[in-house]
Amino acid sequence: MSKKEGHASRTAFFATHPPFGDRILHSLREHRALEPLTVDQKFVTDTAEFQEIQERLRNTLRKGQEQGKSAAKRPSLQMPEPEPAECQEILQSSSTERRQS
């Protein structure tokens, strides 16, 4: 797919993308930059603040689910989605009406 320059021939889309080899080198440089310099040096992946945010998110999602359940029980002006059996009945009744007219 690529030529000596690294771009696909006769395809304008690939002319704007970096060559495959360059993308690999760039990815390796980023990986090295993210690696700890020493064995003792590690990135912080979990904090009390992060745990608090996760808990707040869980509570928010739980409340949204509860509200969704209670909203389903309330009256609505929107028509409910018909069941598959109802769709078949509607289709059959409309086809018999067309035949009669």
N, C-alpha and C. Protein backbone atom coordinates (compact mmCIF):
# COMPACT_ATOMS: atom_id res chain seq x y z
N MET A 1 0.80 -1.19 0.00
CA MET A 1 0.00 0.00 0.00
C MET A 1 0.85 1.26 0.00
N SER A 2 2.02 1.19 0.45
CA SER A 2 2.83 2.41 0.48
C SER A 2 4.02 2.30 -0.46
N LYS A 3 4.45 3.46 -0.88
CA LYS A 3 5.61 3.55 -1.77
C LYS A 3 6.84 3.85 -0.93
N LYS A 4 7.92 4.22 -1.60
CA LYS A 4 9.17 4.53 -0.91
C LYS A 4 8.98 5.69 0.08
N GLU A 5 8.13 6.69 -0.27
CA GLU A 5 7.89 7.84 0.62
C GLU A 5 6.96 7.48 1.77
N GLY A 6 6.28 6.35 1.69
CA GLY A 6 5.40 5.94 2.76
C GLY A 6 3.94 6.28 2.54
N HIS A 7 3.60 6.85 1.40
CA HIS A 7 2.21 7.20 1.10
C HIS A 7 1.66 6.25 0.05
N ALA A 8 0.39 5.98 0.11
CA ALA A 8 -0.23 5.13 -0.90
C ALA A 8 -0.30 5.89 -2.21
N SER A 9 -0.13 5.19 -3.27
CA SER A 9 -0.17 5.84 -4.58
C SER A 9 -1.61 6.05 -5.04
N ARG A 10 -1.82 7.14 -5.74
CA ARG A 10 -3.11 7.50 -6.35
C ARG A 10 -4.25 7.60 -5.34
N THR A 11 -3.96 7.87 -4.10
CA THR A 11 -4.99 8.02 -3.09
C THR A 11 -4.69 9.29 -2.29
N ALA A 12 -5.50 10.30 -2.51
CA ALA A 12 -5.28 11.60 -1.86
C ALA A 12 -5.48 11.51 -0.34
N PHE A 13 -6.32 10.59 0.10
CA PHE A 13 -6.59 10.47 1.53
C PHE A 13 -5.32 10.16 2.32
N PHE A 14 -4.50 9.26 1.82
CA PHE A 14 -3.30 8.85 2.54
C PHE A 14 -2.18 9.89 2.47
N ALA A 15 -2.28 10.84 1.57
CA ALA A 15 -1.25 11.86 1.45
C ALA A 15 -1.20 12.75 2.69
N THR A 16 -2.29 12.84 3.45
CA THR A 16 -2.32 13.70 4.65
C THR A 16 -1.90 12.95 5.90
N HIS A 17 -1.75 11.64 5.83
CA HIS A 17 -1.37 10.83 6.99
C HIS A 17 0.13 10.59 6.99
N PRO A 18 0.72 10.54 8.18
CA PRO A 18 2.16 10.26 8.22
C PRO A 18 2.43 8.82 7.75
N PRO A 19 3.61 8.60 7.21
CA PRO A 19 3.96 7.24 6.78
C PRO A 19 3.91 6.26 7.95
N PHE A 20 3.67 5.02 7.64
CA PHE A 20 3.52 3.97 8.65
C PHE A 20 4.73 3.89 9.57
N GLY A 21 5.92 3.91 9.00
CA GLY A 21 7.15 3.84 9.81
C GLY A 21 7.27 4.99 10.79
N ASP A 22 6.90 6.19 10.34
CA ASP A 22 6.95 7.36 11.23
C ASP A 22 5.96 7.21 12.39
N ARG A 23 4.80 6.63 12.11
CA ARG A 23 3.81 6.44 13.18
C ARG A 23 4.33 5.47 14.23
N ILE A 24 5.01 4.42 13.80
CA ILE A 24 5.57 3.45 14.74
C ILE A 24 6.64 4.12 15.61
N LEU A 25 7.55 4.88 14.98
CA LEU A 25 8.60 5.56 15.75
C LEU A 25 8.00 6.54 16.75
N HIS A 26 7.00 7.28 16.34
CA HIS A 26 6.35 8.25 17.23
C HIS A 26 5.71 7.52 18.42
N SER A 27 5.07 6.39 18.16
CA SER A 27 4.44 5.61 19.24
C SER A 27 5.48 5.09 20.23
N LEU A 28 6.62 4.63 19.71
CA LEU A 28 7.67 4.13 20.59
C LEU A 28 8.25 5.25 21.45
N ARG A 29 8.41 6.44 20.88
CA ARG A 29 8.91 7.58 21.67
C ARG A 29 7.93 7.93 22.78
N GLU A 30 6.63 7.93 22.47
CA GLU A 30 5.64 8.22 23.50
C GLU A 30 5.66 7.16 24.60
N HIS A 31 5.82 5.91 24.21
CA HIS A 31 5.88 4.83 25.20
C HIS A 31 7.07 5.01 26.14
N ARG A 32 8.22 5.33 25.58
CA ARG A 32 9.42 5.56 26.42
C ARG A 32 9.22 6.74 27.36
N ALA A 33 8.54 7.77 26.89
CA ALA A 33 8.33 8.96 27.72
C ALA A 33 7.40 8.64 28.90
N LEU A 34 6.53 7.69 28.72
CA LEU A 34 5.59 7.35 29.79
C LEU A 34 6.12 6.31 30.76
N GLU A 35 7.19 5.63 30.41
CA GLU A 35 7.78 4.64 31.30
C GLU A 35 8.45 5.33 32.47
N PRO A 36 8.35 4.75 33.67
CA PRO A 36 9.06 5.34 34.82
C PRO A 36 10.57 5.27 34.60
N LEU A 37 11.29 6.26 35.12
CA LEU A 37 12.74 6.30 34.95
C LEU A 37 13.44 5.26 35.81
N THR A 38 12.90 5.01 37.00
CA THR A 38 13.49 4.00 37.89
C THR A 38 12.42 3.01 38.29
N VAL A 39 12.84 1.92 38.92
CA VAL A 39 11.90 0.90 39.36
C VAL A 39 11.00 1.44 40.47
N ASP A 40 11.56 2.31 41.32
CA ASP A 40 10.79 2.86 42.44
C ASP A 40 9.78 3.91 41.99
N GLN A 41 10.05 4.55 40.88
CA GLN A 41 9.19 5.63 40.40
C GLN A 41 7.98 5.02 39.67
N LYS A 42 6.80 5.32 40.17
CA LYS A 42 5.58 4.84 39.54
C LYS A 42 4.58 5.98 39.45
N PHE A 43 3.74 5.93 38.46
CA PHE A 43 2.71 6.94 38.32
C PHE A 43 1.55 6.63 39.26
N VAL A 44 0.95 7.69 39.81
CA VAL A 44 -0.19 7.53 40.71
C VAL A 44 -1.41 7.21 39.86
N THR A 45 -2.03 6.08 40.16
CA THR A 45 -3.19 5.67 39.37
C THR A 45 -4.48 5.68 40.17
N ASP A 46 -4.38 5.93 41.49
CA ASP A 46 -5.57 5.91 42.31
C ASP A 46 -5.36 6.85 43.50
N THR A 47 -6.31 7.74 43.71
CA THR A 47 -6.24 8.67 44.83
C THR A 47 -7.59 8.70 45.54
N ALA A 48 -7.62 9.31 46.70
CA ALA A 48 -8.88 9.46 47.44
C ALA A 48 -9.85 10.33 46.64
N GLU A 49 -9.33 11.35 45.99
CA GLU A 49 -10.18 12.22 45.18
C GLU A 49 -10.82 11.44 44.03
N PHE A 50 -10.03 10.58 43.38
CA PHE A 50 -10.54 9.77 42.29
C PHE A 50 -11.63 8.81 42.79
N GLN A 51 -11.41 8.21 43.97
CA GLN A 51 -12.41 7.31 44.56
C GLN A 51 -13.70 8.07 44.85
N GLU A 52 -13.58 9.30 45.35
CA GLU A 52 -14.76 10.12 45.65
C GLU A 52 -15.54 10.43 44.38
N ILE A 53 -14.84 10.77 43.33
CA ILE A 53 -15.50 11.07 42.06
C ILE A 53 -16.20 9.83 41.51
N GLN A 54 -15.56 8.67 41.62
CA GLN A 54 -16.19 7.43 41.17
C GLN A 54 -17.48 7.16 41.95
N GLU A 55 -17.44 7.36 43.25
CA GLU A 55 -18.62 7.13 44.07
C GLU A 55 -19.74 8.10 43.72
N ARG A 56 -19.40 9.37 43.50
CA ARG A 56 -20.41 10.35 43.10
C ARG A 56 -21.02 9.97 41.76
N LEU A 57 -20.21 9.49 40.84
CA LEU A 57 -20.71 9.06 39.54
C LEU A 57 -21.65 7.86 39.69
N ARG A 58 -21.27 6.89 40.51
CA ARG A 58 -22.14 5.72 40.75
C ARG A 58 -23.49 6.16 41.32
N ASN A 59 -23.46 7.09 42.28
CA ASN A 59 -24.71 7.58 42.88
C ASN A 59 -25.57 8.30 41.85
N THR A 60 -24.94 9.10 41.02
CA THR A 60 -25.68 9.82 39.99
C THR A 60 -26.32 8.84 39.01
N LEU A 61 -25.57 7.84 38.59
CA LEU A 61 -26.12 6.84 37.67
C LEU A 61 -27.25 6.06 38.31
N ARG A 62 -27.10 5.71 39.58
CA ARG A 62 -28.14 4.98 40.31
C ARG A 62 -29.42 5.81 40.39
N LYS A 63 -29.29 7.11 40.70
CA LYS A 63 -30.46 7.99 40.78
C LYS A 63 -31.14 8.10 39.42
N GLY A 64 -30.34 8.20 38.35
CA GLY A 64 -30.90 8.28 37.01
C GLY A 64 -31.68 7.03 36.64
N GLN A 65 -31.18 5.88 37.03
CA GLN A 65 -31.89 4.63 36.76
C GLN A 65 -33.19 4.57 37.55
N GLU A 66 -33.16 5.01 38.79
CA GLU A 66 -34.37 5.01 39.62
C GLU A 66 -35.40 5.98 39.04
N GLN A 67 -34.96 7.14 38.59
CA GLN A 67 -35.88 8.11 38.00
C GLN A 67 -36.47 7.57 36.71
N GLY A 68 -35.66 6.85 35.95
CA GLY A 68 -36.14 6.26 34.71
C GLY A 68 -37.22 5.23 34.96
N LYS A 69 -37.05 4.44 36.03
CA LYS A 69 -38.06 3.43 36.38
C LYS A 69 -39.36 4.10 36.82
N SER A 70 -39.24 5.16 37.64
CA SER A 70 -40.45 5.84 38.11
C SER A 70 -41.12 6.61 36.98
N ALA A 71 -40.34 7.12 36.03
CA ALA A 71 -40.92 7.84 34.89
C ALA A 71 -41.71 6.90 34.00
N ALA A 72 -41.31 5.65 33.93
CA ALA A 72 -42.02 4.68 33.09
C ALA A 72 -43.41 4.41 33.63
N LYS A 73 -43.63 4.61 34.93
CA LYS A 73 -44.92 4.35 35.54
C LYS A 73 -45.87 5.54 35.42
N ARG A 74 -45.34 6.73 35.14
CA ARG A 74 -46.17 7.92 35.07
C ARG A 74 -46.93 7.99 33.75
N PRO A 75 -48.08 8.67 33.73
CA PRO A 75 -48.80 8.85 32.47
C PRO A 75 -47.99 9.69 31.51
N SER A 76 -48.16 9.45 30.22
CA SER A 76 -47.41 10.17 29.21
C SER A 76 -48.29 10.45 28.00
N LEU A 77 -48.00 11.53 27.30
CA LEU A 77 -48.72 11.85 26.07
C LEU A 77 -48.13 11.13 24.87
N GLN A 78 -46.98 10.53 25.05
CA GLN A 78 -46.35 9.81 23.96
C GLN A 78 -46.95 8.41 23.85
N MET A 79 -47.12 7.99 22.62
CA MET A 79 -47.63 6.64 22.39
C MET A 79 -46.53 5.64 22.69
N PRO A 80 -46.86 4.55 23.37
CA PRO A 80 -45.85 3.52 23.61
C PRO A 80 -45.51 2.79 22.32
N GLU A 81 -44.33 2.23 22.24
CA GLU A 81 -43.92 1.47 21.07
C GLU A 81 -44.78 0.21 20.99
N PRO A 82 -45.29 -0.09 19.81
CA PRO A 82 -46.12 -1.29 19.68
C PRO A 82 -45.27 -2.56 19.78
N GLU A 83 -45.88 -3.59 20.28
CA GLU A 83 -45.25 -4.90 20.37
C GLU A 83 -45.24 -5.52 18.97
N PRO A 84 -44.34 -6.47 18.70
CA PRO A 84 -44.30 -7.10 17.37
C PRO A 84 -45.64 -7.71 16.94
N ALA A 85 -46.35 -8.30 17.89
CA ALA A 85 -47.65 -8.89 17.55
C ALA A 85 -48.63 -7.81 17.09
N GLU A 86 -48.60 -6.66 17.76
CA GLU A 86 -49.47 -5.55 17.37
C GLU A 86 -49.12 -5.05 15.97
N CYS A 87 -47.85 -5.04 15.63
CA CYS A 87 -47.43 -4.61 14.29
C CYS A 87 -48.02 -5.52 13.22
N GLN A 88 -47.98 -6.82 13.48
CA GLN A 88 -48.54 -7.78 12.53
C GLN A 88 -50.04 -7.55 12.36
N GLU A 89 -50.75 -7.28 13.47
CA GLU A 89 -52.19 -7.02 13.41
C GLU A 89 -52.47 -5.77 12.60
N ILE A 90 -51.69 -4.74 12.81
CA ILE A 90 -51.88 -3.48 12.08
C ILE A 90 -51.64 -3.70 10.59
N LEU A 91 -50.57 -4.40 10.25
CA LEU A 91 -50.26 -4.67 8.84
C LEU A 91 -51.34 -5.51 8.19
N GLN A 92 -51.83 -6.51 8.90
CA GLN A 92 -52.86 -7.37 8.33
C GLN A 92 -54.17 -6.61 8.16
N SER A 93 -54.53 -5.78 9.14
CA SER A 93 -55.79 -5.03 9.03
C SER A 93 -55.73 -4.00 7.92
N SER A 94 -54.55 -3.37 7.71
CA SER A 94 -54.45 -2.37 6.65
C SER A 94 -54.48 -3.04 5.28
N SER A 95 -53.93 -4.25 5.15
CA SER A 95 -53.95 -4.93 3.86
C SER A 95 -55.35 -5.43 3.53
N THR A 96 -56.12 -5.83 4.55
CA THR A 96 -57.50 -6.26 4.27
C THR A 96 -58.37 -5.07 3.94
N GLU A 97 -58.10 -3.91 4.54
CA GLU A 97 -58.85 -2.69 4.22
C GLU A 97 -58.60 -2.28 2.78
N ARG A 98 -57.36 -2.40 2.32
CA ARG A 98 -57.03 -2.03 0.94
C ARG A 98 -57.73 -2.96 -0.05
N ARG A 99 -57.81 -4.22 0.29
CA ARG A 99 -58.46 -5.18 -0.60
C ARG A 99 -59.95 -4.91 -0.71
N GLN A 100 -60.56 -4.47 0.40
CA GLN A 100 -62.00 -4.21 0.39
C GLN A 100 -62.34 -2.94 -0.35
N SER A 101 -61.39 -1.99 -0.45
CA SER A 101 -61.71 -0.72 -1.11
C SER A 101 -61.38 -0.74 -2.55
